[in-house]
């Protein structure tokens, strides 16, 4: 938990399953995205959305 709180890591559930009356969850430690990666992801998502809107207008 120290790495999660201090260094920007995150706990990510890898798998969850039932065993008898308990739920077992396998977790992993992952490093979060950097700021420039987040900007690129948002830019790509916006481009894909705009591209789809353009194609829909052409079809109508």
PDB file of N, CA and C in Angstrom:
ATOM      1  N   UNK A   1       0.823  -1.199   0.000  1.00  0.00           N
ATOM      2  CA  UNK A   1       0.000   0.000   0.000  1.00  0.00           C
ATOM      3  C   UNK A   1       0.862   1.256   0.000  1.00  0.00           C
ATOM      4  N   UNK A   2       2.097   1.148   0.455  1.00  0.00           N
ATOM      5  CA  UNK A   2       2.966   2.320   0.468  1.00  0.00           C
ATOM      6  C   UNK A   2       3.242   2.848  -0.923  1.00  0.00           C
ATOM      7  N   UNK A   3       3.466   1.949  -1.881  1.00  0.00           N
ATOM      8  CA  UNK A   3       3.734   2.373  -3.262  1.00  0.00           C
ATOM      9  C   UNK A   3       2.502   3.025  -3.877  1.00  0.00           C
ATOM     10  N   UNK A   4       1.339   2.535  -3.535  1.00  0.00           N
ATOM     11  CA  UNK A   4       0.105   3.094  -4.087  1.00  0.00           C
ATOM     12  C   UNK A   4      -0.087   4.524  -3.598  1.00  0.00           C
ATOM     13  N   UNK A   5       0.169   4.758  -2.344  1.00  0.00           N
ATOM     14  CA  UNK A   5      -0.045   6.083  -1.770  1.00  0.00           C
ATOM     15  C   UNK A   5       1.028   7.088  -2.163  1.00  0.00           C
ATOM     16  N   UNK A   6       2.258   6.667  -2.356  1.00  0.00           N
ATOM     17  CA  UNK A   6       3.354   7.607  -2.534  1.00  0.00           C
ATOM     18  C   UNK A   6       3.809   7.771  -3.978  1.00  0.00           C
ATOM     19  N   UNK A   7       3.934   6.728  -4.728  1.00  0.00           N
ATOM     20  CA  UNK A   7       4.633   6.788  -6.010  1.00  0.00           C
ATOM     21  C   UNK A   7       3.733   6.815  -7.227  1.00  0.00           C
ATOM     22  N   UNK A   8       2.431   6.952  -7.061  1.00  0.00           N
ATOM     23  CA  UNK A   8       1.542   7.032  -8.211  1.00  0.00           C
ATOM     24  C   UNK A   8       1.181   5.696  -8.815  1.00  0.00           C
ATOM     25  N   UNK A   9       1.345   4.628  -8.078  1.00  0.00           N
ATOM     26  CA  UNK A   9       0.940   3.315  -8.557  1.00  0.00           C
ATOM     27  C   UNK A   9      -0.518   3.087  -8.233  1.00  0.00           C
ATOM     28  N   UNK A  10      -1.120   2.096  -8.866  1.00  0.00           N
ATOM     29  CA  UNK A  10      -2.519   1.773  -8.620  1.00  0.00           C
ATOM     30  C   UNK A  10      -2.665   0.268  -8.455  1.00  0.00           C
ATOM     31  N   UNK A  11      -3.603  -0.145  -7.623  1.00  0.00           N
ATOM     32  CA  UNK A  11      -3.946  -1.564  -7.484  1.00  0.00           C
ATOM     33  C   UNK A  11      -4.996  -1.881  -8.538  1.00  0.00           C
ATOM     34  N   UNK A  12      -4.726  -2.905  -9.335  1.00  0.00           N
ATOM     35  CA  UNK A  12      -5.615  -3.269 -10.432  1.00  0.00           C
ATOM     36  C   UNK A  12      -6.059  -4.713 -10.236  1.00  0.00           C
ATOM     37  N   UNK A  13      -7.368  -4.984 -10.248  1.00  0.00           N
ATOM     38  CA  UNK A  13      -7.815  -6.376 -10.125  1.00  0.00           C
ATOM     39  C   UNK A  13      -7.539  -7.128 -11.429  1.00  0.00           C
ATOM     40  N   UNK A  14      -6.831  -8.229 -11.326  1.00  0.00           N
ATOM     41  CA  UNK A  14      -6.499  -9.029 -12.505  1.00  0.00           C
ATOM     42  C   UNK A  14      -7.527 -10.122 -12.741  1.00  0.00           C
ATOM     43  N   UNK A  15      -7.981 -10.753 -11.664  1.00  0.00           N
ATOM     44  CA  UNK A  15      -9.018 -11.771 -11.792  1.00  0.00           C
ATOM     45  C   UNK A  15      -9.745 -11.905 -10.463  1.00  0.00           C
ATOM     46  N   UNK A  16     -11.025 -12.253 -10.547  1.00  0.00           N
ATOM     47  CA  UNK A  16     -11.847 -12.488  -9.356  1.00  0.00           C
ATOM     48  C   UNK A  16     -12.611 -13.785  -9.573  1.00  0.00           C
ATOM     49  N   UNK A  17     -12.709 -14.573  -8.516  1.00  0.00           N
ATOM     50  CA  UNK A  17     -13.461 -15.809  -8.616  1.00  0.00           C
ATOM     51  C   UNK A  17     -13.941 -16.221  -7.233  1.00  0.00           C
ATOM     52  N   UNK A  18     -14.973 -17.065  -7.225  1.00  0.00           N
ATOM     53  CA  UNK A  18     -15.545 -17.579  -5.984  1.00  0.00           C
ATOM     54  C   UNK A  18     -14.866 -18.877  -5.603  1.00  0.00           C
ATOM     55  N   UNK A  19     -14.594 -19.036  -4.314  1.00  0.00           N
ATOM     56  CA  UNK A  19     -14.113 -20.306  -3.787  1.00  0.00           C
ATOM     57  C   UNK A  19     -14.873 -20.546  -2.497  1.00  0.00           C
ATOM     58  N   UNK A  20     -15.775 -21.508  -2.531  1.00  0.00           N
ATOM     59  CA  UNK A  20     -16.718 -21.762  -1.440  1.00  0.00           C
ATOM     60  C   UNK A  20     -17.542 -20.503  -1.201  1.00  0.00           C
ATOM     61  N   UNK A  21     -17.484 -19.926  -0.024  1.00  0.00           N
ATOM     62  CA  UNK A  21     -18.280 -18.728   0.248  1.00  0.00           C
ATOM     63  C   UNK A  21     -17.428 -17.464   0.205  1.00  0.00           C
ATOM     64  N   UNK A  22     -16.205 -17.560  -0.282  1.00  0.00           N
ATOM     65  CA  UNK A  22     -15.299 -16.420  -0.337  1.00  0.00           C
ATOM     66  C   UNK A  22     -15.064 -15.972  -1.778  1.00  0.00           C
ATOM     67  N   UNK A  23     -14.762 -14.723  -1.937  1.00  0.00           N
ATOM     68  CA  UNK A  23     -14.366 -14.202  -3.242  1.00  0.00           C
ATOM     69  C   UNK A  23     -12.871 -13.978  -3.202  1.00  0.00           C
ATOM     70  N   UNK A  24     -12.169 -14.570  -4.132  1.00  0.00           N
ATOM     71  CA  UNK A  24     -10.727 -14.368  -4.216  1.00  0.00           C
ATOM     72  C   UNK A  24     -10.446 -13.424  -5.378  1.00  0.00           C
ATOM     73  N   UNK A  25      -9.592 -12.483  -5.155  1.00  0.00           N
ATOM     74  CA  UNK A  25      -9.273 -11.490  -6.160  1.00  0.00           C
ATOM     75  C   UNK A  25      -7.761 -11.379  -6.272  1.00  0.00           C
ATOM     76  N   UNK A  26      -7.258 -11.572  -7.453  1.00  0.00           N
ATOM     77  CA  UNK A  26      -5.823 -11.425  -7.688  1.00  0.00           C
ATOM     78  C   UNK A  26      -5.587  -9.989  -8.137  1.00  0.00           C
ATOM     79  N   UNK A  27      -4.699  -9.286  -7.444  1.00  0.00           N
ATOM     80  CA  UNK A  27      -4.451  -7.892  -7.772  1.00  0.00           C
ATOM     81  C   UNK A  27      -3.023  -7.708  -8.243  1.00  0.00           C
ATOM     82  N   UNK A  28      -2.828  -6.670  -9.025  1.00  0.00           N
ATOM     83  CA  UNK A  28      -1.501  -6.335  -9.519  1.00  0.00           C
ATOM     84  C   UNK A  28      -1.217  -4.874  -9.255  1.00  0.00           C
ATOM     85  N   UNK A  29       0.044  -4.524  -9.283  1.00  0.00           N
ATOM     86  CA  UNK A  29       0.471  -3.148  -9.076  1.00  0.00           C
ATOM     87  C   UNK A  29       0.809  -2.555 -10.438  1.00  0.00           C
ATOM     88  N   UNK A  30       0.147  -1.457 -10.799  1.00  0.00           N
ATOM     89  CA  UNK A  30       0.338  -0.859 -12.116  1.00  0.00           C
ATOM     90  C   UNK A  30       0.732   0.602 -11.959  1.00  0.00           C
ATOM     91  N   UNK A  31       1.540   1.069 -12.862  1.00  0.00           N
ATOM     92  CA  UNK A  31       1.941   2.464 -12.871  1.00  0.00           C
ATOM     93  C   UNK A  31       0.946   3.255 -13.699  1.00  0.00           C
ATOM     94  N   UNK A  32       0.487   4.378 -13.185  1.00  0.00           N
ATOM     95  CA  UNK A  32      -0.490   5.199 -13.880  1.00  0.00           C
ATOM     96  C   UNK A  32       0.103   5.873 -15.098  1.00  0.00           C
ATOM     97  N   UNK A  33      -0.769   6.451 -15.914  1.00  0.00           N
ATOM     98  CA  UNK A  33      -0.316   7.140 -17.122  1.00  0.00           C
ATOM     99  C   UNK A  33       0.339   8.466 -16.770  1.00  0.00           C
ATOM    100  N   UNK A  34       1.275   8.875 -17.587  1.00  0.00           N
ATOM    101  CA  UNK A  34       1.871  10.200 -17.463  1.00  0.00           C
ATOM    102  C   UNK A  34       0.930  11.217 -18.089  1.00  0.00           C
ATOM    103  N   UNK A  35       1.138  12.492 -17.795  1.00  0.00           N
ATOM    104  CA  UNK A  35       0.243  13.536 -18.285  1.00  0.00           C
ATOM    105  C   UNK A  35       0.207  13.580 -19.813  1.00  0.00           C
ATOM    106  N   UNK A  36       1.381  13.438 -20.485  1.00  0.00           N
ATOM    107  CA  UNK A  36       1.381  13.512 -21.941  1.00  0.00           C
ATOM    108  C   UNK A  36       0.670  12.312 -22.565  1.00  0.00           C
ATOM    109  N   UNK A  37       0.693  11.156 -21.895  1.00  0.00           N
ATOM    110  CA  UNK A  37      -0.037   9.996 -22.391  1.00  0.00           C
ATOM    111  C   UNK A  37      -1.540  10.231 -22.302  1.00  0.00           C
ATOM    112  N   UNK A  38      -1.979  10.875 -21.228  1.00  0.00           N
ATOM    113  CA  UNK A  38      -3.399  11.158 -21.067  1.00  0.00           C
ATOM    114  C   UNK A  38      -3.874  12.105 -22.159  1.00  0.00           C
ATOM    115  N   UNK A  39      -3.050  13.118 -22.474  1.00  0.00           N
ATOM    116  CA  UNK A  39      -3.436  14.071 -23.511  1.00  0.00           C
ATOM    117  C   UNK A  39      -3.551  13.379 -24.862  1.00  0.00           C
ATOM    118  N   UNK A  40      -2.621  12.475 -25.156  1.00  0.00           N
ATOM    119  CA  UNK A  40      -2.656  11.760 -26.432  1.00  0.00           C
ATOM    120  C   UNK A  40      -3.894  10.876 -26.521  1.00  0.00           C
ATOM    121  N   UNK A  41      -4.239  10.211 -25.437  1.00  0.00           N
ATOM    122  CA  UNK A  41      -5.424   9.361 -25.421  1.00  0.00           C
ATOM    123  C   UNK A  41      -6.680  10.177 -25.668  1.00  0.00           C
ATOM    124  N   UNK A  42      -6.800  11.322 -24.994  1.00  0.00           N
ATOM    125  CA  UNK A  42      -7.973  12.179 -25.194  1.00  0.00           C
ATOM    126  C   UNK A  42      -8.036  12.710 -26.621  1.00  0.00           C
ATOM    127  N   UNK A  43      -6.887  13.084 -27.169  1.00  0.00           N
ATOM    128  CA  UNK A  43      -6.830  13.596 -28.540  1.00  0.00           C
ATOM    129  C   UNK A  43      -7.273  12.519 -29.532  1.00  0.00           C
ATOM    130  N   UNK A  44      -6.777  11.294 -29.344  1.00  0.00           N
ATOM    131  CA  UNK A  44      -7.153  10.190 -30.231  1.00  0.00           C
ATOM    132  C   UNK A  44      -8.649   9.873 -30.115  1.00  0.00           C
ATOM    133  N   UNK A  45      -9.175   9.890 -28.901  1.00  0.00           N
ATOM    134  CA  UNK A  45     -10.593   9.607 -28.689  1.00  0.00           C
ATOM    135  C   UNK A  45     -11.466  10.663 -29.359  1.00  0.00           C
ATOM    136  N   UNK A  46     -11.075  11.935 -29.211  1.00  0.00           N
ATOM    137  CA  UNK A  46     -11.829  13.016 -29.850  1.00  0.00           C
ATOM    138  C   UNK A  46     -11.782  12.896 -31.368  1.00  0.00           C
ATOM    139  N   UNK A  47     -10.625  12.548 -31.909  1.00  0.00           N
ATOM    140  CA  UNK A  47     -10.481  12.399 -33.358  1.00  0.00           C
ATOM    141  C   UNK A  47     -11.389  11.285 -33.879  1.00  0.00           C
ATOM    142  N   UNK A  48     -11.411  10.151 -33.178  1.00  0.00           N
ATOM    143  CA  UNK A  48     -12.268   9.035 -33.598  1.00  0.00           C
ATOM    144  C   UNK A  48     -13.742   9.438 -33.548  1.00  0.00           C
ATOM    145  N   UNK A  49     -14.146  10.164 -32.519  1.00  0.00           N
ATOM    146  CA  UNK A  49     -15.532  10.604 -32.380  1.00  0.00           C
ATOM    147  C   UNK A  49     -15.896  11.555 -33.513  1.00  0.00           C
ATOM    148  N   UNK A  50     -15.010  12.530 -33.804  1.00  0.00           N
ATOM    149  CA  UNK A  50     -15.271  13.482 -34.885  1.00  0.00           C
ATOM    150  C   UNK A  50     -15.323  12.787 -36.240  1.00  0.00           C
ATOM    151  N   UNK A  51     -14.461  11.804 -36.415  1.00  0.00           N
ATOM    152  CA  UNK A  51     -14.424  11.056 -37.667  1.00  0.00           C
ATOM    153  C   UNK A  51     -15.751  10.312 -37.872  1.00  0.00           C
ATOM    154  N   UNK A  52     -16.267   9.680 -36.800  1.00  0.00           N
ATOM    155  CA  UNK A  52     -17.533   8.956 -36.901  1.00  0.00           C
ATOM    156  C   UNK A  52     -18.685   9.913 -37.179  1.00  0.00           C
ATOM    157  N   UNK A  53     -18.681  11.072 -36.567  1.00  0.00           N
ATOM    158  CA  UNK A  53     -19.726  12.063 -36.816  1.00  0.00           C
ATOM    159  C   UNK A  53     -19.709  12.517 -38.267  1.00  0.00           C
ATOM    160  N   UNK A  54     -18.516  12.700 -38.815  1.00  0.00           N
ATOM    161  CA  UNK A  54     -18.401  13.120 -40.210  1.00  0.00           C
ATOM    162  C   UNK A  54     -18.948  12.088 -41.160  1.00  0.00           C
ATOM    163  N   UNK A  55     -18.681  10.816 -40.881  1.00  0.00           N
ATOM    164  CA  UNK A  55     -19.203   9.752 -41.738  1.00  0.00           C
ATOM    165  C   UNK A  55     -20.714   9.646 -41.647  1.00  0.00           C
ATOM    166  N   UNK A  56     -21.279   9.867 -40.463  1.00  0.00           N
ATOM    167  CA  UNK A  56     -22.727   9.799 -40.310  1.00  0.00           C
ATOM    168  C   UNK A  56     -23.397  10.927 -41.076  1.00  0.00           C
ATOM    169  N   UNK A  57     -22.805  12.117 -41.073  1.00  0.00           N
ATOM    170  CA  UNK A  57     -23.384  13.249 -41.805  1.00  0.00           C
ATOM    171  C   UNK A  57     -23.359  12.999 -43.308  1.00  0.00           C
ATOM    172  N   UNK A  58     -22.275  12.357 -43.791  1.00  0.00           N
ATOM    173  CA  UNK A  58     -22.163  12.060 -45.206  1.00  0.00           C
ATOM    174  C   UNK A  58     -23.211  11.033 -45.640  1.00  0.00           C
ATOM    175  N   UNK A  59     -23.573  10.104 -44.743  1.00  0.00           N
ATOM    176  CA  UNK A  59     -24.526   9.068 -45.094  1.00  0.00           C
ATOM    177  C   UNK A  59     -25.951   9.596 -45.099  1.00  0.00           C
ATOM    178  N   UNK A  60     -26.250  10.625 -44.317  1.00  0.00           N
ATOM    179  CA  UNK A  60     -27.619  11.149 -44.228  1.00  0.00           C
ATOM    180  C   UNK A  60     -27.982  11.978 -45.386  1.00  0.00           C
TER     181      UNK A  60
END
